[in-house]
């Protein structure tokens, strides 16, 4: 469980960069919240 002041380094197997981005496609990055949106779409 996440607690206040925890730092996420990886989410769903993807490294989270210090600027809060993850690799989306080769040489393209997007905000790490994209992973949550992507997962929610898979559940529908």
PDB file of N, CA and C in Angstrom:
ATOM      1  N   UNK A   1       0.835  -1.166   0.000  1.00  0.00           N
ATOM      2  CA  UNK A   1       0.000   0.000   0.000  1.00  0.00           C
ATOM      3  C   UNK A   1       0.890   1.242   0.000  1.00  0.00           C
ATOM      4  N   UNK A   2       0.533   2.190  -0.820  1.00  0.00           N
ATOM      5  CA  UNK A   2       1.283   3.446  -0.862  1.00  0.00           C
ATOM      6  C   UNK A   2       0.976   4.299   0.357  1.00  0.00           C
ATOM      7  N   UNK A   3       1.998   4.968   0.816  1.00  0.00           N
ATOM      8  CA  UNK A   3       1.842   5.890   1.928  1.00  0.00           C
ATOM      9  C   UNK A   3       2.365   7.259   1.514  1.00  0.00           C
ATOM     10  N   UNK A   4       1.962   8.257   2.245  1.00  0.00           N
ATOM     11  CA  UNK A   4       2.411   9.616   1.964  1.00  0.00           C
ATOM     12  C   UNK A   4       3.941   9.646   1.910  1.00  0.00           C
ATOM     13  N   UNK A   5       4.462  10.362   0.944  1.00  0.00           N
ATOM     14  CA  UNK A   5       5.900  10.536   0.710  1.00  0.00           C
ATOM     15  C   UNK A   5       6.593   9.324   0.090  1.00  0.00           C
ATOM     16  N   UNK A   6       5.841   8.266  -0.259  1.00  0.00           N
ATOM     17  CA  UNK A   6       6.439   7.161  -1.006  1.00  0.00           C
ATOM     18  C   UNK A   6       6.827   7.659  -2.392  1.00  0.00           C
ATOM     19  N   UNK A   7       7.850   7.073  -2.946  1.00  0.00           N
ATOM     20  CA  UNK A   7       8.324   7.443  -4.279  1.00  0.00           C
ATOM     21  C   UNK A   7       8.187   6.227  -5.185  1.00  0.00           C
ATOM     22  N   UNK A   8       7.447   6.392  -6.276  1.00  0.00           N
ATOM     23  CA  UNK A   8       7.291   5.307  -7.240  1.00  0.00           C
ATOM     24  C   UNK A   8       8.470   5.310  -8.203  1.00  0.00           C
ATOM     25  N   UNK A   9       9.110   4.165  -8.339  1.00  0.00           N
ATOM     26  CA  UNK A   9      10.221   4.028  -9.270  1.00  0.00           C
ATOM     27  C   UNK A   9       9.833   3.196 -10.482  1.00  0.00           C
ATOM     28  N   UNK A  10       8.810   2.364 -10.304  1.00  0.00           N
ATOM     29  CA  UNK A  10       8.382   1.471 -11.363  1.00  0.00           C
ATOM     30  C   UNK A  10       6.897   1.214 -11.176  1.00  0.00           C
ATOM     31  N   UNK A  11       6.166   1.110 -12.285  1.00  0.00           N
ATOM     32  CA  UNK A  11       4.739   0.822 -12.230  1.00  0.00           C
ATOM     33  C   UNK A  11       4.403  -0.113 -13.376  1.00  0.00           C
ATOM     34  N   UNK A  12       3.820  -1.267 -13.038  1.00  0.00           N
ATOM     35  CA  UNK A  12       3.442  -2.265 -14.037  1.00  0.00           C
ATOM     36  C   UNK A  12       4.635  -2.660 -14.911  1.00  0.00           C
ATOM     37  N   UNK A  13       5.807  -2.770 -14.283  1.00  0.00           N
ATOM     38  CA  UNK A  13       6.999  -3.198 -15.000  1.00  0.00           C
ATOM     39  C   UNK A  13       7.702  -2.114 -15.791  1.00  0.00           C
ATOM     40  N   UNK A  14       7.198  -0.906 -15.744  1.00  0.00           N
ATOM     41  CA  UNK A  14       7.809   0.207 -16.488  1.00  0.00           C
ATOM     42  C   UNK A  14       8.505   1.150 -15.516  1.00  0.00           C
ATOM     43  N   UNK A  15       9.737   1.515 -15.849  1.00  0.00           N
ATOM     44  CA  UNK A  15      10.478   2.477 -15.031  1.00  0.00           C
ATOM     45  C   UNK A  15       9.833   3.850 -15.120  1.00  0.00           C
ATOM     46  N   UNK A  16       9.731   4.514 -13.976  1.00  0.00           N
ATOM     47  CA  UNK A  16       9.237   5.891 -13.929  1.00  0.00           C
ATOM     48  C   UNK A  16      10.446   6.801 -13.792  1.00  0.00           C
ATOM     49  N   UNK A  17      10.606   7.699 -14.735  1.00  0.00           N
ATOM     50  CA  UNK A  17      11.740   8.626 -14.725  1.00  0.00           C
ATOM     51  C   UNK A  17      11.542   9.692 -13.646  1.00  0.00           C
ATOM     52  N   UNK A  18      12.600  10.405 -13.332  1.00  0.00           N
ATOM     53  CA  UNK A  18      12.536  11.427 -12.279  1.00  0.00           C
ATOM     54  C   UNK A  18      11.575  12.559 -12.616  1.00  0.00           C
ATOM     55  N   UNK A  19      11.236  12.722 -13.896  1.00  0.00           N
ATOM     56  CA  UNK A  19      10.279  13.764 -14.281  1.00  0.00           C
ATOM     57  C   UNK A  19       8.838  13.245 -14.337  1.00  0.00           C
ATOM     58  N   UNK A  20       8.620  11.987 -13.892  1.00  0.00           N
ATOM     59  CA  UNK A  20       7.270  11.429 -13.836  1.00  0.00           C
ATOM     60  C   UNK A  20       6.786  10.835 -15.147  1.00  0.00           C
ATOM     61  N   UNK A  21       7.699  10.573 -16.071  1.00  0.00           N
ATOM     62  CA  UNK A  21       7.309  10.004 -17.354  1.00  0.00           C
ATOM     63  C   UNK A  21       7.714   8.538 -17.446  1.00  0.00           C
ATOM     64  N   UNK A  22       7.056   7.819 -18.347  1.00  0.00           N
ATOM     65  CA  UNK A  22       7.396   6.437 -18.675  1.00  0.00           C
ATOM     66  C   UNK A  22       7.546   6.336 -20.185  1.00  0.00           C
ATOM     67  N   UNK A  23       8.285   5.324 -20.624  1.00  0.00           N
ATOM     68  CA  UNK A  23       8.409   5.130 -22.062  1.00  0.00           C
ATOM     69  C   UNK A  23       7.080   4.624 -22.604  1.00  0.00           C
ATOM     70  N   UNK A  24       6.574   5.297 -23.602  1.00  0.00           N
ATOM     71  CA  UNK A  24       5.293   4.968 -24.224  1.00  0.00           C
ATOM     72  C   UNK A  24       5.542   4.122 -25.467  1.00  0.00           C
ATOM     73  N   UNK A  25       6.336   4.629 -26.339  1.00  0.00           N
ATOM     74  CA  UNK A  25       6.824   3.908 -27.514  1.00  0.00           C
ATOM     75  C   UNK A  25       8.329   4.129 -27.537  1.00  0.00           C
ATOM     76  N   UNK A  26       9.014   3.423 -28.383  1.00  0.00           N
ATOM     77  CA  UNK A  26      10.467   3.594 -28.456  1.00  0.00           C
ATOM     78  C   UNK A  26      10.797   5.070 -28.686  1.00  0.00           C
ATOM     79  N   UNK A  27      11.577   5.624 -27.786  1.00  0.00           N
ATOM     80  CA  UNK A  27      12.013   7.029 -27.829  1.00  0.00           C
ATOM     81  C   UNK A  27      10.884   8.035 -27.652  1.00  0.00           C
ATOM     82  N   UNK A  28       9.740   7.599 -27.130  1.00  0.00           N
ATOM     83  CA  UNK A  28       8.634   8.511 -26.809  1.00  0.00           C
ATOM     84  C   UNK A  28       8.243   8.296 -25.358  1.00  0.00           C
ATOM     85  N   UNK A  29       8.005   9.380 -24.657  1.00  0.00           N
ATOM     86  CA  UNK A  29       7.617   9.291 -23.248  1.00  0.00           C
ATOM     87  C   UNK A  29       6.293   9.988 -23.019  1.00  0.00           C
ATOM     88  N   UNK A  30       5.608   9.546 -21.965  1.00  0.00           N
ATOM     89  CA  UNK A  30       4.345  10.153 -21.573  1.00  0.00           C
ATOM     90  C   UNK A  30       4.257  10.121 -20.052  1.00  0.00           C
ATOM     91  N   UNK A  31       3.313  10.839 -19.499  1.00  0.00           N
ATOM     92  CA  UNK A  31       3.100  10.885 -18.055  1.00  0.00           C
ATOM     93  C   UNK A  31       2.784   9.485 -17.526  1.00  0.00           C
ATOM     94  N   UNK A  32       3.300   9.146 -16.339  1.00  0.00           N
ATOM     95  CA  UNK A  32       3.105   7.800 -15.808  1.00  0.00           C
ATOM     96  C   UNK A  32       1.635   7.468 -15.549  1.00  0.00           C
ATOM     97  N   UNK A  33       0.779   8.473 -15.427  1.00  0.00           N
ATOM     98  CA  UNK A  33      -0.648   8.205 -15.240  1.00  0.00           C
ATOM     99  C   UNK A  33      -1.256   7.497 -16.444  1.00  0.00           C
ATOM    100  N   UNK A  34      -0.575   7.548 -17.568  1.00  0.00           N
ATOM    101  CA  UNK A  34      -1.019   6.836 -18.763  1.00  0.00           C
ATOM    102  C   UNK A  34      -1.169   5.345 -18.480  1.00  0.00           C
ATOM    103  N   UNK A  35      -0.286   4.783 -17.648  1.00  0.00           N
ATOM    104  CA  UNK A  35      -0.349   3.352 -17.331  1.00  0.00           C
ATOM    105  C   UNK A  35      -1.680   3.016 -16.678  1.00  0.00           C
ATOM    106  N   UNK A  36      -2.129   3.851 -15.740  1.00  0.00           N
ATOM    107  CA  UNK A  36      -3.419   3.618 -15.086  1.00  0.00           C
ATOM    108  C   UNK A  36      -4.561   3.703 -16.082  1.00  0.00           C
ATOM    109  N   UNK A  37      -4.522   4.676 -16.953  1.00  0.00           N
ATOM    110  CA  UNK A  37      -5.568   4.818 -17.968  1.00  0.00           C
ATOM    111  C   UNK A  37      -5.569   3.617 -18.898  1.00  0.00           C
ATOM    112  N   UNK A  38      -4.397   3.163 -19.280  1.00  0.00           N
ATOM    113  CA  UNK A  38      -4.262   2.009 -20.163  1.00  0.00           C
ATOM    114  C   UNK A  38      -4.832   0.758 -19.494  1.00  0.00           C
ATOM    115  N   UNK A  39      -4.545   0.558 -18.224  1.00  0.00           N
ATOM    116  CA  UNK A  39      -5.055  -0.596 -17.477  1.00  0.00           C
ATOM    117  C   UNK A  39      -6.570  -0.553 -17.356  1.00  0.00           C
ATOM    118  N   UNK A  40      -7.120   0.627 -17.091  1.00  0.00           N
ATOM    119  CA  UNK A  40      -8.573   0.756 -16.978  1.00  0.00           C
ATOM    120  C   UNK A  40      -9.263   0.438 -18.293  1.00  0.00           C
ATOM    121  N   UNK A  41      -8.661   0.783 -19.411  1.00  0.00           N
ATOM    122  CA  UNK A  41      -9.235   0.465 -20.721  1.00  0.00           C
ATOM    123  C   UNK A  41      -9.231  -1.044 -20.953  1.00  0.00           C
ATOM    124  N   UNK A  42      -8.190  -1.732 -20.477  1.00  0.00           N
ATOM    125  CA  UNK A  42      -8.100  -3.184 -20.640  1.00  0.00           C
ATOM    126  C   UNK A  42      -9.181  -3.908 -19.853  1.00  0.00           C
ATOM    127  N   UNK A  43      -9.630  -3.329 -18.766  1.00  0.00           N
ATOM    128  CA  UNK A  43     -10.625  -3.977 -17.899  1.00  0.00           C
ATOM    129  C   UNK A  43     -12.037  -3.889 -18.451  1.00  0.00           C
ATOM    130  N   UNK A  44     -12.273  -3.011 -19.414  1.00  0.00           N
ATOM    131  CA  UNK A  44     -13.617  -2.824 -19.956  1.00  0.00           C
ATOM    132  C   UNK A  44     -13.958  -3.869 -20.965  1.00  0.00           C
TER     133      UNK A  44
END
